[in-house]
Amino acid sequence: MHALPPLPYAYDALEPYVDEPTMRLHHLKHHQAYIDKLNATLEKYPELAEKSTGELLRNLDSVPEAIRTAVRNHGGGHWNHSFFWKILTPASPNQGLALAGGQGSTLGDKGRTLIENFFGSVEEFQKQFKDAALGRFGSGWVWLVKKSNDQITIISTANQDVPFNEGGEPLLGLDVWEHAYYLKYQNRRADYVDAFFKIINWEQVGQLLTAKD
């Protein structure tokens, strides 16, 4: 049985960038719903229920066709959200400025160098990431991923599709489903993306960036 992972911070810890009501709704209702539906889907397949969502989603072809779409959707929702919570962190006063070159950056010199090598500058990375987030039609995610050739790039996935099935291991991800921001930002997705840059756990991203170096 899959279970809802606890958040690594309080529901109000991301204020004012993500409000407490949104976090409670997002975590306790939306994420929980994906888990409940995944568990219901796997109820008659105990051998599959013992596998992690990563194992299931990386081997979708081995999942019975009758439940494959449900595993892709609900398992993807569970995996994506579990990843998402880990790359958020309460904002520090200078966090947004730090990534752009100020003092106290938590990305680290090695991670920053990799970002600059592939995007030219941290500011250009932020621009391209935001453009991808605003360009995602409907519901989905935007990811910074590392490909098998160690190239770092930005991709966008529809619905709850997982990034590693699109050819990249995730380093950073942003949920652009409306449930992630509509209570506070309504239709202002651009403002939500700007706020996201203030609460990224760059230490976590930096560890993923340099994990295989």
N, C-alpha and C. Protein backbone atom coordinates (compact mmCIF):
# COMPACT_ATOMS: atom_id res chain seq x y z
N MET A 1 0.84 -1.20 0.00
CA MET A 1 0.00 0.00 0.00
C MET A 1 0.88 1.26 0.00
N HIS A 2 0.56 2.15 -0.87
CA HIS A 2 1.28 3.42 -0.91
C HIS A 2 0.65 4.38 0.09
N ALA A 3 1.47 5.23 0.68
CA ALA A 3 1.00 6.15 1.71
C ALA A 3 1.49 7.56 1.42
N LEU A 4 0.76 8.52 1.95
CA LEU A 4 1.09 9.93 1.76
C LEU A 4 2.34 10.28 2.56
N PRO A 5 3.40 10.76 1.90
CA PRO A 5 4.60 11.16 2.65
C PRO A 5 4.37 12.47 3.38
N PRO A 6 4.89 12.62 4.58
CA PRO A 6 4.72 13.89 5.29
C PRO A 6 5.54 14.99 4.60
N LEU A 7 5.08 16.21 4.72
CA LEU A 7 5.85 17.33 4.21
C LEU A 7 7.08 17.55 5.10
N PRO A 8 8.18 18.00 4.53
CA PRO A 8 9.38 18.28 5.34
C PRO A 8 9.36 19.66 5.99
N TYR A 9 8.19 20.29 6.05
CA TYR A 9 8.03 21.62 6.63
C TYR A 9 6.55 21.77 6.97
N ALA A 10 6.20 22.80 7.72
CA ALA A 10 4.81 23.05 8.09
C ALA A 10 4.01 23.56 6.89
N TYR A 11 2.70 23.42 6.96
CA TYR A 11 1.85 23.85 5.85
C TYR A 11 1.94 25.35 5.58
N ASP A 12 2.27 26.12 6.59
CA ASP A 12 2.37 27.56 6.39
C ASP A 12 3.80 28.03 6.16
N ALA A 13 4.74 27.11 6.03
CA ALA A 13 6.16 27.47 5.98
C ALA A 13 6.56 28.17 4.69
N LEU A 14 5.78 28.01 3.63
CA LEU A 14 6.14 28.61 2.35
C LEU A 14 5.47 29.96 2.12
N GLU A 15 4.73 30.43 3.13
CA GLU A 15 4.13 31.77 3.05
C GLU A 15 5.24 32.82 2.89
N PRO A 16 5.00 33.89 2.19
CA PRO A 16 3.76 34.27 1.49
C PRO A 16 3.70 33.77 0.05
N TYR A 17 4.67 32.97 -0.35
CA TYR A 17 4.76 32.58 -1.77
C TYR A 17 3.76 31.49 -2.13
N VAL A 18 3.59 30.52 -1.26
CA VAL A 18 2.51 29.54 -1.39
C VAL A 18 1.76 29.55 -0.07
N ASP A 19 0.47 29.78 -0.12
CA ASP A 19 -0.31 29.96 1.09
C ASP A 19 -0.68 28.62 1.74
N GLU A 20 -0.95 28.69 3.03
CA GLU A 20 -1.27 27.48 3.80
C GLU A 20 -2.51 26.75 3.26
N PRO A 21 -3.62 27.42 2.94
CA PRO A 21 -4.78 26.69 2.40
C PRO A 21 -4.44 25.90 1.14
N THR A 22 -3.63 26.49 0.26
CA THR A 22 -3.23 25.76 -0.96
C THR A 22 -2.41 24.54 -0.61
N MET A 23 -1.46 24.68 0.31
CA MET A 23 -0.61 23.54 0.68
C MET A 23 -1.44 22.42 1.28
N ARG A 24 -2.38 22.75 2.14
CA ARG A 24 -3.23 21.71 2.75
C ARG A 24 -4.08 21.01 1.69
N LEU A 25 -4.69 21.80 0.82
CA LEU A 25 -5.52 21.22 -0.24
C LEU A 25 -4.67 20.36 -1.19
N HIS A 26 -3.52 20.89 -1.56
CA HIS A 26 -2.65 20.21 -2.51
C HIS A 26 -2.13 18.89 -1.95
N HIS A 27 -1.64 18.92 -0.73
CA HIS A 27 -1.04 17.74 -0.12
C HIS A 27 -2.10 16.75 0.38
N LEU A 28 -3.03 17.22 1.18
CA LEU A 28 -3.98 16.34 1.86
C LEU A 28 -5.11 15.85 0.96
N LYS A 29 -5.44 16.62 -0.05
CA LYS A 29 -6.56 16.25 -0.92
C LYS A 29 -6.09 15.73 -2.28
N HIS A 30 -5.36 16.57 -3.02
CA HIS A 30 -4.97 16.18 -4.37
C HIS A 30 -3.95 15.03 -4.36
N HIS A 31 -2.86 15.19 -3.60
CA HIS A 31 -1.87 14.11 -3.56
C HIS A 31 -2.48 12.85 -2.98
N GLN A 32 -3.24 12.98 -1.90
CA GLN A 32 -3.87 11.81 -1.30
C GLN A 32 -4.79 11.10 -2.28
N ALA A 33 -5.49 11.86 -3.10
CA ALA A 33 -6.40 11.26 -4.07
C ALA A 33 -5.65 10.39 -5.08
N TYR A 34 -4.48 10.82 -5.52
CA TYR A 34 -3.69 10.00 -6.43
C TYR A 34 -3.29 8.69 -5.75
N ILE A 35 -2.92 8.77 -4.50
CA ILE A 35 -2.51 7.57 -3.76
C ILE A 35 -3.69 6.63 -3.58
N ASP A 36 -4.83 7.16 -3.19
CA ASP A 36 -6.02 6.32 -3.00
C ASP A 36 -6.41 5.60 -4.28
N LYS A 37 -6.35 6.31 -5.40
CA LYS A 37 -6.74 5.70 -6.67
C LYS A 37 -5.69 4.70 -7.15
N LEU A 38 -4.41 4.99 -6.86
CA LEU A 38 -3.36 4.02 -7.21
C LEU A 38 -3.53 2.74 -6.40
N ASN A 39 -3.76 2.87 -5.11
CA ASN A 39 -3.96 1.68 -4.27
C ASN A 39 -5.18 0.88 -4.72
N ALA A 40 -6.25 1.57 -5.08
CA ALA A 40 -7.45 0.87 -5.56
C ALA A 40 -7.16 0.15 -6.87
N THR A 41 -6.37 0.79 -7.73
CA THR A 41 -6.01 0.18 -9.01
C THR A 41 -5.21 -1.10 -8.82
N LEU A 42 -4.33 -1.10 -7.82
CA LEU A 42 -3.42 -2.24 -7.60
C LEU A 42 -3.99 -3.29 -6.65
N GLU A 43 -5.21 -3.10 -6.20
CA GLU A 43 -5.80 -3.98 -5.18
C GLU A 43 -5.80 -5.44 -5.61
N LYS A 44 -6.04 -5.71 -6.87
CA LYS A 44 -6.09 -7.09 -7.37
C LYS A 44 -4.75 -7.56 -7.91
N TYR A 45 -3.71 -6.76 -7.70
CA TYR A 45 -2.38 -7.11 -8.20
C TYR A 45 -1.37 -6.96 -7.05
N PRO A 46 -1.41 -7.86 -6.07
CA PRO A 46 -0.55 -7.71 -4.88
C PRO A 46 0.93 -7.68 -5.21
N GLU A 47 1.34 -8.37 -6.27
CA GLU A 47 2.75 -8.37 -6.64
C GLU A 47 3.20 -7.00 -7.14
N LEU A 48 2.28 -6.25 -7.74
CA LEU A 48 2.59 -4.90 -8.19
C LEU A 48 2.47 -3.88 -7.06
N ALA A 49 1.56 -4.14 -6.14
CA ALA A 49 1.34 -3.22 -5.03
C ALA A 49 2.58 -3.10 -4.15
N GLU A 50 3.44 -4.13 -4.18
CA GLU A 50 4.66 -4.11 -3.38
C GLU A 50 5.77 -3.27 -4.01
N LYS A 51 5.61 -2.93 -5.28
CA LYS A 51 6.65 -2.17 -5.99
C LYS A 51 6.50 -0.68 -5.72
N SER A 52 7.60 0.05 -5.79
CA SER A 52 7.55 1.50 -5.66
C SER A 52 6.95 2.11 -6.92
N THR A 53 6.52 3.35 -6.82
CA THR A 53 5.98 4.00 -8.01
C THR A 53 7.05 4.14 -9.09
N GLY A 54 8.29 4.37 -8.67
CA GLY A 54 9.38 4.46 -9.63
C GLY A 54 9.54 3.18 -10.43
N GLU A 55 9.50 2.05 -9.73
CA GLU A 55 9.61 0.76 -10.41
C GLU A 55 8.47 0.55 -11.38
N LEU A 56 7.26 0.87 -10.97
CA LEU A 56 6.09 0.69 -11.83
C LEU A 56 6.18 1.57 -13.07
N LEU A 57 6.53 2.82 -12.86
CA LEU A 57 6.50 3.78 -13.97
C LEU A 57 7.67 3.61 -14.93
N ARG A 58 8.79 3.12 -14.43
CA ARG A 58 9.93 2.87 -15.31
C ARG A 58 9.76 1.59 -16.13
N ASN A 59 8.77 0.80 -15.74
CA ASN A 59 8.52 -0.47 -16.44
C ASN A 59 7.04 -0.60 -16.78
N LEU A 60 6.49 0.47 -17.34
CA LEU A 60 5.05 0.47 -17.63
C LEU A 60 4.63 -0.64 -18.58
N ASP A 61 5.51 -1.02 -19.48
CA ASP A 61 5.16 -2.07 -20.43
C ASP A 61 4.89 -3.41 -19.76
N SER A 62 5.44 -3.58 -18.55
CA SER A 62 5.22 -4.83 -17.82
C SER A 62 3.97 -4.79 -16.96
N VAL A 63 3.33 -3.63 -16.86
CA VAL A 63 2.08 -3.50 -16.12
C VAL A 63 0.93 -3.97 -17.02
N PRO A 64 0.01 -4.78 -16.50
CA PRO A 64 -1.10 -5.25 -17.33
C PRO A 64 -1.81 -4.10 -18.04
N GLU A 65 -2.15 -4.32 -19.29
CA GLU A 65 -2.73 -3.26 -20.10
C GLU A 65 -4.02 -2.71 -19.49
N ALA A 66 -4.75 -3.57 -18.79
CA ALA A 66 -6.02 -3.16 -18.21
C ALA A 66 -5.87 -2.04 -17.18
N ILE A 67 -4.71 -1.96 -16.53
CA ILE A 67 -4.51 -0.93 -15.50
C ILE A 67 -3.36 0.01 -15.84
N ARG A 68 -2.79 -0.13 -17.00
CA ARG A 68 -1.59 0.64 -17.34
C ARG A 68 -1.83 2.14 -17.32
N THR A 69 -2.93 2.58 -17.91
CA THR A 69 -3.22 4.02 -17.94
C THR A 69 -3.45 4.56 -16.53
N ALA A 70 -4.17 3.80 -15.71
CA ALA A 70 -4.43 4.24 -14.34
C ALA A 70 -3.14 4.33 -13.54
N VAL A 71 -2.24 3.36 -13.72
CA VAL A 71 -0.95 3.40 -13.03
C VAL A 71 -0.13 4.60 -13.51
N ARG A 72 -0.17 4.83 -14.80
CA ARG A 72 0.56 5.98 -15.36
C ARG A 72 0.05 7.29 -14.76
N ASN A 73 -1.28 7.43 -14.69
CA ASN A 73 -1.86 8.69 -14.22
C ASN A 73 -1.74 8.86 -12.70
N HIS A 74 -2.22 7.86 -11.95
CA HIS A 74 -2.25 7.98 -10.50
C HIS A 74 -0.88 7.73 -9.88
N GLY A 75 -0.15 6.77 -10.43
CA GLY A 75 1.22 6.56 -9.96
C GLY A 75 2.10 7.75 -10.28
N GLY A 76 1.90 8.33 -11.46
CA GLY A 76 2.66 9.53 -11.82
C GLY A 76 2.33 10.69 -10.91
N GLY A 77 1.05 10.84 -10.57
CA GLY A 77 0.67 11.90 -9.65
C GLY A 77 1.32 11.75 -8.29
N HIS A 78 1.39 10.51 -7.81
CA HIS A 78 2.03 10.23 -6.53
C HIS A 78 3.54 10.50 -6.61
N TRP A 79 4.19 10.02 -7.66
CA TRP A 79 5.64 10.18 -7.77
C TRP A 79 6.01 11.66 -7.95
N ASN A 80 5.32 12.35 -8.85
CA ASN A 80 5.65 13.75 -9.13
C ASN A 80 5.50 14.62 -7.88
N HIS A 81 4.41 14.44 -7.15
CA HIS A 81 4.20 15.25 -5.96
C HIS A 81 5.21 14.92 -4.87
N SER A 82 5.53 13.66 -4.71
CA SER A 82 6.53 13.27 -3.70
C SER A 82 7.87 13.94 -3.98
N PHE A 83 8.22 14.03 -5.25
CA PHE A 83 9.45 14.72 -5.65
C PHE A 83 9.33 16.22 -5.40
N PHE A 84 8.19 16.78 -5.76
CA PHE A 84 7.95 18.22 -5.68
C PHE A 84 8.13 18.75 -4.26
N TRP A 85 7.56 18.06 -3.27
CA TRP A 85 7.64 18.55 -1.89
C TRP A 85 9.10 18.68 -1.44
N LYS A 86 9.96 17.81 -1.93
CA LYS A 86 11.35 17.79 -1.47
C LYS A 86 12.19 18.94 -2.03
N ILE A 87 11.75 19.51 -3.15
CA ILE A 87 12.58 20.57 -3.73
C ILE A 87 12.03 21.96 -3.41
N LEU A 88 11.11 22.01 -2.43
CA LEU A 88 10.64 23.29 -1.90
C LEU A 88 11.20 23.47 -0.49
N THR A 89 11.38 24.72 -0.10
CA THR A 89 11.90 25.01 1.24
C THR A 89 11.44 26.40 1.65
N PRO A 90 11.27 26.63 2.94
CA PRO A 90 10.92 27.99 3.37
C PRO A 90 11.93 29.01 2.86
N ALA A 91 11.43 30.15 2.44
CA ALA A 91 12.27 31.17 1.80
C ALA A 91 13.17 31.85 2.81
N SER A 92 14.38 32.15 2.40
CA SER A 92 15.27 33.00 3.18
C SER A 92 15.16 34.41 2.62
N PRO A 93 15.52 35.43 3.39
CA PRO A 93 15.33 36.81 2.93
C PRO A 93 15.98 37.12 1.59
N ASN A 94 17.12 36.51 1.30
CA ASN A 94 17.83 36.87 0.06
C ASN A 94 17.88 35.71 -0.93
N GLN A 95 17.00 34.73 -0.76
CA GLN A 95 17.12 33.53 -1.59
C GLN A 95 16.95 33.82 -3.08
N GLY A 96 15.96 34.63 -3.42
CA GLY A 96 15.76 34.92 -4.83
C GLY A 96 16.95 35.63 -5.45
N LEU A 97 17.54 36.56 -4.71
CA LEU A 97 18.70 37.30 -5.19
C LEU A 97 19.94 36.43 -5.21
N ALA A 98 20.00 35.49 -4.25
CA ALA A 98 21.20 34.67 -4.14
C ALA A 98 21.42 33.84 -5.38
N LEU A 99 20.35 33.27 -5.93
CA LEU A 99 20.50 32.44 -7.11
C LEU A 99 21.00 33.27 -8.29
N ALA A 100 20.59 34.52 -8.33
CA ALA A 100 20.98 35.38 -9.44
C ALA A 100 22.36 36.01 -9.25
N GLY A 101 23.07 35.57 -8.22
CA GLY A 101 24.43 36.03 -8.08
C GLY A 101 24.75 36.75 -6.80
N GLY A 102 23.78 36.85 -5.88
CA GLY A 102 24.02 37.52 -4.61
C GLY A 102 24.73 36.61 -3.63
N GLN A 103 24.80 37.05 -2.39
CA GLN A 103 25.48 36.28 -1.35
C GLN A 103 24.56 35.21 -0.80
N GLY A 104 25.15 34.14 -0.30
CA GLY A 104 24.38 33.14 0.42
C GLY A 104 23.63 32.15 -0.44
N SER A 105 24.03 31.99 -1.70
CA SER A 105 23.35 31.01 -2.54
C SER A 105 23.51 29.62 -1.97
N THR A 106 22.42 28.85 -2.03
CA THR A 106 22.47 27.46 -1.57
C THR A 106 22.66 26.49 -2.73
N LEU A 107 22.78 27.00 -3.95
CA LEU A 107 23.00 26.11 -5.08
C LEU A 107 24.40 25.51 -5.04
N GLY A 108 25.37 26.26 -4.63
CA GLY A 108 26.74 25.77 -4.59
C GLY A 108 27.47 26.10 -5.88
N ASP A 109 28.76 26.26 -5.79
CA ASP A 109 29.55 26.69 -6.94
C ASP A 109 29.50 25.69 -8.09
N LYS A 110 29.55 24.39 -7.76
CA LYS A 110 29.58 23.37 -8.81
C LYS A 110 28.25 23.32 -9.55
N GLY A 111 27.17 23.36 -8.80
CA GLY A 111 25.85 23.37 -9.42
C GLY A 111 25.62 24.61 -10.24
N ARG A 112 26.05 25.76 -9.71
CA ARG A 112 25.91 27.02 -10.44
C ARG A 112 26.68 26.97 -11.75
N THR A 113 27.89 26.41 -11.71
CA THR A 113 28.71 26.31 -12.92
C THR A 113 28.02 25.45 -13.97
N LEU A 114 27.40 24.36 -13.55
CA LEU A 114 26.67 23.50 -14.50
C LEU A 114 25.51 24.24 -15.13
N ILE A 115 24.74 24.96 -14.32
CA ILE A 115 23.63 25.75 -14.85
C ILE A 115 24.15 26.77 -15.87
N GLU A 116 25.22 27.46 -15.52
CA GLU A 116 25.76 28.47 -16.42
C GLU A 116 26.32 27.86 -17.68
N ASN A 117 26.93 26.68 -17.59
CA ASN A 117 27.48 26.02 -18.78
C ASN A 117 26.40 25.68 -19.80
N PHE A 118 25.23 25.27 -19.30
CA PHE A 118 24.18 24.82 -20.22
C PHE A 118 23.21 25.92 -20.64
N PHE A 119 23.11 26.98 -19.82
CA PHE A 119 22.14 28.02 -20.13
C PHE A 119 22.78 29.40 -20.33
N GLY A 120 24.07 29.51 -20.09
CA GLY A 120 24.74 30.78 -20.26
C GLY A 120 24.79 31.61 -18.99
N SER A 121 23.69 31.59 -18.25
CA SER A 121 23.63 32.31 -16.98
C SER A 121 22.45 31.75 -16.18
N VAL A 122 22.45 32.01 -14.90
CA VAL A 122 21.33 31.59 -14.07
C VAL A 122 20.07 32.33 -14.47
N GLU A 123 20.22 33.61 -14.83
CA GLU A 123 19.06 34.40 -15.24
C GLU A 123 18.43 33.82 -16.52
N GLU A 124 19.26 33.36 -17.44
CA GLU A 124 18.74 32.77 -18.68
C GLU A 124 18.03 31.45 -18.38
N PHE A 125 18.58 30.68 -17.45
CA PHE A 125 17.89 29.46 -17.03
C PHE A 125 16.50 29.79 -16.49
N GLN A 126 16.43 30.78 -15.60
CA GLN A 126 15.14 31.16 -15.02
C GLN A 126 14.16 31.60 -16.11
N LYS A 127 14.64 32.36 -17.10
CA LYS A 127 13.79 32.81 -18.18
C LYS A 127 13.23 31.64 -18.97
N GLN A 128 14.12 30.70 -19.34
CA GLN A 128 13.68 29.55 -20.14
C GLN A 128 12.72 28.66 -19.35
N PHE A 129 13.00 28.50 -18.06
CA PHE A 129 12.13 27.67 -17.23
C PHE A 129 10.74 28.31 -17.12
N LYS A 130 10.72 29.62 -16.90
CA LYS A 130 9.44 30.32 -16.81
C LYS A 130 8.68 30.27 -18.13
N ASP A 131 9.39 30.45 -19.25
CA ASP A 131 8.75 30.38 -20.56
C ASP A 131 8.11 29.01 -20.77
N ALA A 132 8.80 27.95 -20.34
CA ALA A 132 8.25 26.60 -20.48
C ALA A 132 7.02 26.41 -19.61
N ALA A 133 7.05 26.99 -18.41
CA ALA A 133 5.91 26.89 -17.51
C ALA A 133 4.69 27.61 -18.07
N LEU A 134 4.92 28.78 -18.64
CA LEU A 134 3.81 29.54 -19.20
C LEU A 134 3.33 28.94 -20.53
N GLY A 135 4.21 28.22 -21.19
CA GLY A 135 3.87 27.62 -22.48
C GLY A 135 3.18 26.27 -22.38
N ARG A 136 3.15 25.69 -21.19
CA ARG A 136 2.47 24.41 -21.00
C ARG A 136 0.96 24.64 -21.06
N PHE A 137 0.34 24.16 -22.11
CA PHE A 137 -1.10 24.33 -22.27
C PHE A 137 -1.84 23.34 -21.38
N GLY A 138 -2.80 23.84 -20.62
CA GLY A 138 -3.55 22.96 -19.73
C GLY A 138 -2.71 22.56 -18.53
N SER A 139 -2.89 21.32 -18.09
CA SER A 139 -2.24 20.85 -16.86
C SER A 139 -0.97 20.08 -17.16
N GLY A 140 0.00 20.21 -16.28
CA GLY A 140 1.24 19.46 -16.46
C GLY A 140 2.33 19.96 -15.55
N TRP A 141 3.56 19.68 -15.93
CA TRP A 141 4.74 19.99 -15.13
C TRP A 141 5.85 20.54 -16.02
N VAL A 142 6.76 21.29 -15.41
CA VAL A 142 7.98 21.73 -16.08
C VAL A 142 9.15 21.21 -15.25
N TRP A 143 10.18 20.71 -15.94
CA TRP A 143 11.29 20.04 -15.26
C TRP A 143 12.64 20.54 -15.77
N LEU A 144 13.59 20.60 -14.87
CA LEU A 144 15.00 20.65 -15.23
C LEU A 144 15.49 19.22 -15.08
N VAL A 145 16.05 18.66 -16.15
CA VAL A 145 16.44 17.25 -16.13
C VAL A 145 17.87 17.06 -16.60
N LYS A 146 18.45 15.95 -16.18
CA LYS A 146 19.76 15.53 -16.68
C LYS A 146 19.54 14.32 -17.56
N LYS A 147 20.02 14.40 -18.80
CA LYS A 147 19.83 13.31 -19.75
C LYS A 147 20.95 12.28 -19.60
N SER A 148 20.80 11.18 -20.31
CA SER A 148 21.76 10.09 -20.18
C SER A 148 23.17 10.49 -20.62
N ASN A 149 23.27 11.50 -21.49
CA ASN A 149 24.58 12.00 -21.92
C ASN A 149 25.09 13.13 -21.03
N ASP A 150 24.43 13.30 -19.87
CA ASP A 150 24.76 14.33 -18.87
C ASP A 150 24.41 15.75 -19.31
N GLN A 151 23.72 15.88 -20.44
CA GLN A 151 23.23 17.19 -20.83
C GLN A 151 22.10 17.60 -19.89
N ILE A 152 22.07 18.87 -19.52
CA ILE A 152 21.02 19.41 -18.66
C ILE A 152 20.10 20.26 -19.51
N THR A 153 18.79 20.01 -19.40
CA THR A 153 17.85 20.71 -20.25
C THR A 153 16.52 20.87 -19.53
N ILE A 154 15.63 21.64 -20.12
CA ILE A 154 14.29 21.87 -19.58
C ILE A 154 13.28 21.15 -20.47
N ILE A 155 12.38 20.41 -19.84
CA ILE A 155 11.31 19.75 -20.58
C ILE A 155 9.98 20.03 -19.89
N SER A 156 8.90 19.79 -20.59
CA SER A 156 7.57 19.93 -20.03
C SER A 156 6.80 18.65 -20.29
N THR A 157 6.05 18.19 -19.28
CA THR A 157 5.26 16.97 -19.43
C THR A 157 3.79 17.28 -19.19
N ALA A 158 2.93 16.55 -19.87
CA ALA A 158 1.49 16.74 -19.74
C ALA A 158 0.95 15.95 -18.55
N ASN A 159 -0.13 16.47 -18.00
CA ASN A 159 -0.87 15.76 -16.95
C ASN A 159 0.05 15.34 -15.81
N GLN A 160 0.10 14.02 -15.49
CA GLN A 160 1.01 13.55 -14.44
C GLN A 160 2.09 12.62 -15.01
N ASP A 161 2.44 12.82 -16.27
CA ASP A 161 3.52 12.03 -16.84
C ASP A 161 4.83 12.34 -16.12
N VAL A 162 5.64 11.32 -15.91
CA VAL A 162 6.88 11.47 -15.15
C VAL A 162 8.03 11.84 -16.09
N PRO A 163 8.97 12.63 -15.63
CA PRO A 163 10.04 13.12 -16.52
C PRO A 163 10.98 12.03 -17.00
N PHE A 164 11.21 10.99 -16.19
CA PHE A 164 12.19 9.99 -16.61
C PHE A 164 11.66 9.13 -17.75
N ASN A 165 10.37 9.13 -18.00
CA ASN A 165 9.85 8.45 -19.18
C ASN A 165 9.88 9.34 -20.41
N GLU A 166 10.34 10.57 -20.23
CA GLU A 166 10.55 11.50 -21.34
C GLU A 166 12.03 11.69 -21.61
N GLY A 167 12.85 10.84 -21.01
CA GLY A 167 14.27 10.83 -21.33
C GLY A 167 15.18 11.64 -20.43
N GLY A 168 14.73 11.99 -19.22
CA GLY A 168 15.59 12.76 -18.34
C GLY A 168 15.33 12.48 -16.87
N GLU A 169 16.40 12.45 -16.09
CA GLU A 169 16.27 12.29 -14.64
C GLU A 169 16.02 13.67 -14.03
N PRO A 170 14.98 13.82 -13.22
CA PRO A 170 14.60 15.15 -12.74
C PRO A 170 15.57 15.72 -11.72
N LEU A 171 15.81 17.01 -11.86
CA LEU A 171 16.63 17.78 -10.92
C LEU A 171 15.77 18.81 -10.20
N LEU A 172 14.74 19.29 -10.89
CA LEU A 172 13.86 20.32 -10.38
C LEU A 172 12.54 20.19 -11.12
N GLY A 173 11.44 20.39 -10.42
CA GLY A 173 10.14 20.29 -11.08
C GLY A 173 9.15 21.29 -10.52
N LEU A 174 8.27 21.77 -11.38
CA LEU A 174 7.23 22.71 -10.97
C LEU A 174 5.87 22.21 -11.45
N ASP A 175 4.95 22.08 -10.50
CA ASP A 175 3.58 21.68 -10.79
C ASP A 175 2.82 22.89 -11.32
N VAL A 176 2.35 22.82 -12.56
CA VAL A 176 1.57 23.93 -13.10
C VAL A 176 0.11 23.57 -13.32
N TRP A 177 -0.35 22.52 -12.62
CA TRP A 177 -1.79 22.30 -12.55
C TRP A 177 -2.40 23.47 -11.77
N GLU A 178 -3.62 23.86 -12.10
CA GLU A 178 -4.23 25.00 -11.42
C GLU A 178 -4.41 24.76 -9.93
N HIS A 179 -4.56 23.49 -9.52
CA HIS A 179 -4.76 23.26 -8.08
C HIS A 179 -3.53 23.67 -7.27
N ALA A 180 -2.37 23.82 -7.92
CA ALA A 180 -1.15 24.18 -7.21
C ALA A 180 -1.09 25.68 -6.87
N TYR A 181 -1.93 26.48 -7.52
CA TYR A 181 -1.77 27.93 -7.31
C TYR A 181 -3.05 28.75 -7.37
N TYR A 182 -4.18 28.15 -7.74
CA TYR A 182 -5.35 28.95 -8.07
C TYR A 182 -5.96 29.68 -6.88
N LEU A 183 -5.89 29.13 -5.68
CA LEU A 183 -6.48 29.80 -4.52
C LEU A 183 -5.82 31.16 -4.27
N LYS A 184 -4.53 31.24 -4.49
CA LYS A 184 -3.79 32.49 -4.22
C LYS A 184 -3.60 33.32 -5.48
N TYR A 185 -3.22 32.68 -6.58
CA TYR A 185 -2.83 33.44 -7.77
C TYR A 185 -3.90 33.46 -8.85
N GLN A 186 -4.96 32.70 -8.67
CA GLN A 186 -6.03 32.61 -9.66
C GLN A 186 -5.44 32.26 -11.02
N ASN A 187 -5.64 33.10 -12.03
CA ASN A 187 -5.13 32.77 -13.37
C ASN A 187 -3.73 33.33 -13.63
N ARG A 188 -3.07 33.85 -12.59
CA ARG A 188 -1.77 34.51 -12.79
C ARG A 188 -0.63 33.50 -12.62
N ARG A 189 -0.53 32.63 -13.57
CA ARG A 189 0.50 31.59 -13.49
C ARG A 189 1.91 32.20 -13.45
N ALA A 190 2.10 33.29 -14.15
CA ALA A 190 3.43 33.93 -14.17
C ALA A 190 3.85 34.36 -12.77
N ASP A 191 2.92 34.88 -11.99
CA ASP A 191 3.25 35.29 -10.61
C ASP A 191 3.59 34.08 -9.76
N TYR A 192 2.89 32.99 -9.99
CA TYR A 192 3.17 31.75 -9.27
C TYR A 192 4.58 31.24 -9.60
N VAL A 193 4.96 31.29 -10.86
CA VAL A 193 6.30 30.84 -11.25
C VAL A 193 7.37 31.72 -10.60
N ASP A 194 7.14 33.03 -10.60
CA ASP A 194 8.10 33.93 -9.95
C ASP A 194 8.23 33.60 -8.47
N ALA A 195 7.12 33.30 -7.82
CA ALA A 195 7.14 32.95 -6.39
C ALA A 195 7.89 31.65 -6.17
N PHE A 196 7.73 30.72 -7.09
CA PHE A 196 8.42 29.42 -6.98
C PHE A 196 9.92 29.58 -6.87
N PHE A 197 10.49 30.53 -7.62
CA PHE A 197 11.94 30.74 -7.57
C PHE A 197 12.42 31.20 -6.19
N LYS A 198 11.51 31.67 -5.35
CA LYS A 198 11.87 32.13 -4.00
C LYS A 198 11.92 30.99 -2.99
N ILE A 199 11.39 29.82 -3.34
CA ILE A 199 11.25 28.74 -2.35
C ILE A 199 11.85 27.42 -2.83
N ILE A 200 12.75 27.49 -3.78
CA ILE A 200 13.42 26.27 -4.27
C ILE A 200 14.48 25.84 -3.28
N ASN A 201 14.52 24.57 -3.00
CA ASN A 201 15.56 23.99 -2.15
C ASN A 201 16.78 23.73 -3.03
N TRP A 202 17.61 24.77 -3.21
CA TRP A 202 18.73 24.66 -4.13
C TRP A 202 19.81 23.69 -3.64
N GLU A 203 19.84 23.48 -2.35
CA GLU A 203 20.78 22.47 -1.83
C GLU A 203 20.42 21.09 -2.35
N GLN A 204 19.12 20.78 -2.34
CA GLN A 204 18.66 19.49 -2.86
C GLN A 204 18.92 19.40 -4.36
N VAL A 205 18.60 20.46 -5.09
CA VAL A 205 18.83 20.47 -6.54
C VAL A 205 20.30 20.32 -6.85
N GLY A 206 21.15 21.01 -6.09
CA GLY A 206 22.58 20.92 -6.30
C GLY A 206 23.12 19.52 -6.08
N GLN A 207 22.57 18.82 -5.09
CA GLN A 207 22.99 17.44 -4.85
C GLN A 207 22.62 16.54 -6.02
N LEU A 208 21.44 16.75 -6.58
CA LEU A 208 21.01 15.96 -7.74
C LEU A 208 21.85 16.32 -8.98
N LEU A 209 22.16 17.60 -9.12
CA LEU A 209 22.95 18.04 -10.27
C LEU A 209 24.32 17.38 -10.31
N THR A 210 24.92 17.24 -9.15
CA THR A 210 26.30 16.76 -9.10
C THR A 210 26.40 15.32 -8.61
N ALA A 211 25.28 14.62 -8.51
CA ALA A 211 25.25 13.28 -7.92
C ALA A 211 26.15 12.30 -8.65
N LYS A 212 26.23 12.39 -9.98
CA LYS A 212 26.97 11.40 -10.76
C LYS A 212 28.31 11.94 -11.24
N ASP A 213 28.67 13.13 -10.80
CA ASP A 213 29.95 13.71 -11.25
C ASP A 213 31.11 13.13 -10.47
